[in-house]
Protein backbone atom coordinates (compact mmCIF):
# COMPACT_ATOMS: atom_id res chain seq x y z
CA MET A 1 80.92 -76.57 126.01
CA PRO A 2 82.67 -79.63 127.42
CA PHE A 3 84.20 -82.08 124.97
CA ASP A 4 82.55 -85.50 124.72
CA ASN A 5 85.80 -87.08 125.91
CA GLU A 6 86.47 -85.61 129.35
CA LEU A 7 90.22 -86.27 129.11
CA ILE A 8 90.54 -83.66 126.34
CA ASP A 9 89.57 -80.97 128.85
CA TYR A 10 92.42 -82.01 131.15
CA THR A 11 95.19 -82.09 128.55
CA ILE A 12 97.63 -79.25 128.14
CA PRO A 13 96.64 -77.06 125.19
CA ARG A 14 99.17 -77.39 122.39
CA ALA A 15 99.33 -74.73 119.72
CA ASN A 16 101.77 -76.84 117.68
CA ILE A 17 98.79 -78.65 116.14
CA TYR A 18 98.47 -75.50 114.04
CA THR A 19 102.04 -75.69 112.71
CA ARG A 20 100.98 -76.43 109.13
CA LEU A 21 98.40 -73.64 109.17
CA LEU A 22 100.92 -71.23 110.67
CA LYS A 23 103.48 -72.15 108.00
CA GLU A 24 100.88 -71.29 105.37
CA LYS A 25 100.16 -67.98 107.14
CA TYR A 26 103.89 -67.22 107.26
CA ALA A 27 104.25 -68.01 103.55
CA ALA A 28 101.30 -65.65 102.91
CA GLY A 29 103.18 -62.82 104.67
CA GLU A 30 102.17 -63.09 108.34
CA SER A 31 104.82 -61.75 110.71
CA GLU A 32 107.20 -64.23 112.33
CA ASN A 33 106.55 -62.48 115.68
CA VAL A 34 102.81 -63.14 115.45
CA ILE A 35 103.40 -66.82 114.70
CA ASN A 36 105.91 -67.18 117.54
CA HIS A 37 103.45 -65.57 119.93
CA ILE A 38 100.76 -68.07 118.98
CA LEU A 39 103.12 -70.97 119.63
CA GLU A 40 104.56 -69.62 122.89
CA ASP A 41 101.49 -68.09 124.56
CA SER A 42 99.46 -70.05 127.12
CA TYR A 43 95.81 -71.02 126.80
CA TYR A 44 93.34 -71.69 129.60
CA ARG A 45 89.73 -72.67 129.96
CA ARG A 46 88.37 -72.17 133.47
CA PHE A 47 85.22 -74.27 133.28
CA ARG A 48 84.20 -77.59 131.77
CA GLY A 49 80.47 -77.17 132.16
CA ASN A 50 80.24 -76.47 135.90
CA VAL A 51 83.58 -78.10 136.77
CA GLU A 52 86.54 -75.77 137.32
CA LEU A 53 89.68 -76.91 135.50
CA PRO A 54 93.25 -76.61 136.83
CA LEU A 55 95.65 -74.03 135.42
CA PRO A 56 97.85 -75.26 132.58
CA PRO A 57 101.56 -74.47 132.48
CA ILE A 58 101.96 -70.74 131.92
CA ASN A 59 104.96 -69.33 130.10
CA ARG A 60 106.71 -66.46 131.85
CA ARG A 61 106.47 -63.09 130.06
CA LYS A 62 104.03 -64.53 127.48
CA ARG A 63 100.34 -63.85 127.13
CA VAL A 64 97.62 -66.06 128.60
CA TYR A 65 94.46 -66.48 126.55
CA ILE A 66 91.25 -67.48 128.31
CA TYR A 67 88.50 -69.23 126.37
CA ASP A 68 85.59 -68.95 128.79
CA ARG A 69 82.61 -66.83 127.82
CA LYS A 70 81.72 -66.55 131.53
CA PHE A 71 85.11 -66.27 133.22
CA PHE A 72 84.03 -63.52 135.63
CA GLU A 73 82.09 -65.81 137.92
CA PRO A 74 82.65 -65.87 141.71
CA GLY A 75 86.27 -66.63 142.53
CA TRP A 76 87.73 -65.16 139.35
CA GLU A 77 90.03 -62.86 141.33
CA LEU A 78 91.81 -65.87 142.88
CA ILE A 79 92.32 -67.42 139.44
CA VAL A 80 93.78 -64.16 138.12
CA ASP A 81 96.09 -64.01 141.16
CA ASP A 82 97.20 -67.62 140.51
CA ILE A 83 97.90 -66.81 136.87
CA ALA A 84 99.76 -63.61 137.85
CA GLU A 85 102.12 -65.62 140.10
CA HIS A 86 103.52 -67.20 136.90
CA LYS A 87 104.40 -63.70 135.64
CA PRO A 88 102.75 -63.69 132.21
CA SER A 89 102.86 -60.49 130.18
CA SER A 90 99.05 -60.20 130.19
CA ILE A 91 95.74 -62.01 130.43
CA ASN A 92 93.58 -61.81 127.31
CA PHE A 93 90.14 -63.13 126.49
CA ILE A 94 89.15 -64.87 123.28
CA HIS A 95 85.53 -63.73 123.75
CA SER A 96 84.16 -60.48 125.13
CA ALA A 97 84.34 -60.28 128.90
CA HIS A 98 80.84 -59.81 130.35
CA PHE A 99 80.20 -57.98 133.59
CA HIS A 100 76.86 -57.79 135.40
CA HIS A 101 78.07 -55.40 138.13
CA LEU A 102 80.21 -52.26 137.89
CA ARG A 103 82.17 -53.35 140.96
CA GLU A 104 83.42 -56.44 139.08
CA PHE A 105 84.30 -54.34 136.04
CA PHE A 106 86.26 -51.88 138.20
CA LEU A 107 88.15 -54.73 139.90
CA ALA A 108 89.08 -56.27 136.54
CA ARG A 109 90.14 -52.97 134.96
CA GLU A 110 92.27 -52.02 137.94
CA ASN A 111 94.12 -55.35 137.82
CA GLU A 112 97.37 -54.66 135.96
CA ILE A 113 97.77 -58.15 134.47
CA ILE A 114 94.40 -58.14 132.66
CA SER A 115 94.88 -56.63 129.21
CA LYS A 116 93.13 -53.32 128.68
CA SER A 117 92.52 -54.22 125.02
CA ASN A 118 89.99 -56.95 125.83
CA ASP A 119 86.48 -56.44 124.48
CA ILE A 120 84.12 -55.80 127.39
CA PHE A 121 80.36 -55.88 127.54
CA LEU A 122 78.79 -54.18 130.55
CA ASP A 123 75.58 -56.17 130.86
CA LEU A 124 74.20 -54.07 133.70
CA ASN A 125 70.50 -54.00 132.84
CA ILE A 126 70.28 -50.30 133.61
CA PRO A 127 66.85 -48.78 133.07
CA LEU A 128 67.10 -45.86 130.67
CA LYS A 129 65.79 -43.46 133.33
CA ASP A 130 68.77 -44.35 135.59
CA THR A 131 71.58 -43.84 133.06
CA ARG A 132 71.96 -40.16 133.91
CA TYR A 133 72.42 -41.01 137.60
CA MET A 134 74.89 -43.80 136.77
CA MET A 135 76.98 -41.56 134.52
CA ARG A 136 76.96 -38.73 137.05
CA THR A 137 78.03 -41.13 139.82
CA TYR A 138 80.53 -43.31 137.94
CA GLY A 139 81.33 -41.34 134.77
CA LYS A 140 84.67 -39.99 135.96
CA LYS A 141 85.88 -43.40 137.07
CA LEU A 142 84.61 -45.03 133.86
CA ARG A 143 86.45 -42.46 131.73
CA ALA A 144 89.66 -43.10 133.70
CA LEU A 145 89.45 -46.86 133.09
CA ILE A 146 88.44 -46.79 129.42
CA MET A 147 91.35 -46.34 127.02
CA PRO A 148 91.02 -45.16 123.39
CA SER A 149 91.91 -48.71 122.29
CA SER A 150 89.24 -50.24 124.54
CA LEU A 151 86.15 -51.80 123.06
CA ILE A 152 83.58 -51.46 125.83
CA TYR A 153 79.89 -51.86 125.19
CA LEU A 154 77.15 -50.67 127.50
CA GLY A 155 73.59 -51.70 126.87
CA LEU A 156 71.17 -48.96 127.84
CA GLY A 157 67.46 -49.13 128.46
CA GLY A 158 67.35 -52.46 130.25
CA SER A 159 63.82 -51.85 131.51
CA TYR A 160 62.41 -50.96 128.11
CA HIS A 161 60.31 -53.70 126.51
CA TYR A 162 59.03 -53.63 122.94
């Protein structure tokens, strides 16, 4: 959702607005490393409605967090390449990454800079009768790309209506 004031979307995200909250978290026992990560990581939102926003400054060897619910739209590979040029430690998503095609999922999983711990929803609309074929065809590759720490959801029975 775009902000009412368009200029807010074009300002550099600043985590220091959370300093007081982070001090409270630290006093409550939160790790200093976690708090430093929050302050030093980079944050990016790709779209303001339908308008693509420029990349913010990205800190080298720090994580990049992406806010978009629909980041994996056409051209996402170029954005990931642009982010990777800044040498962050990883790209993470605030919300589950949604994929509508296995090809896109495979491209994202094979990209080293995209964190493997991101939640992923494979929104493939696979009819239940076709799941056996899909698993026989792509099962080996899916198993190779899904780590024990991965949270990947696959909706089955896309053609079934109540």
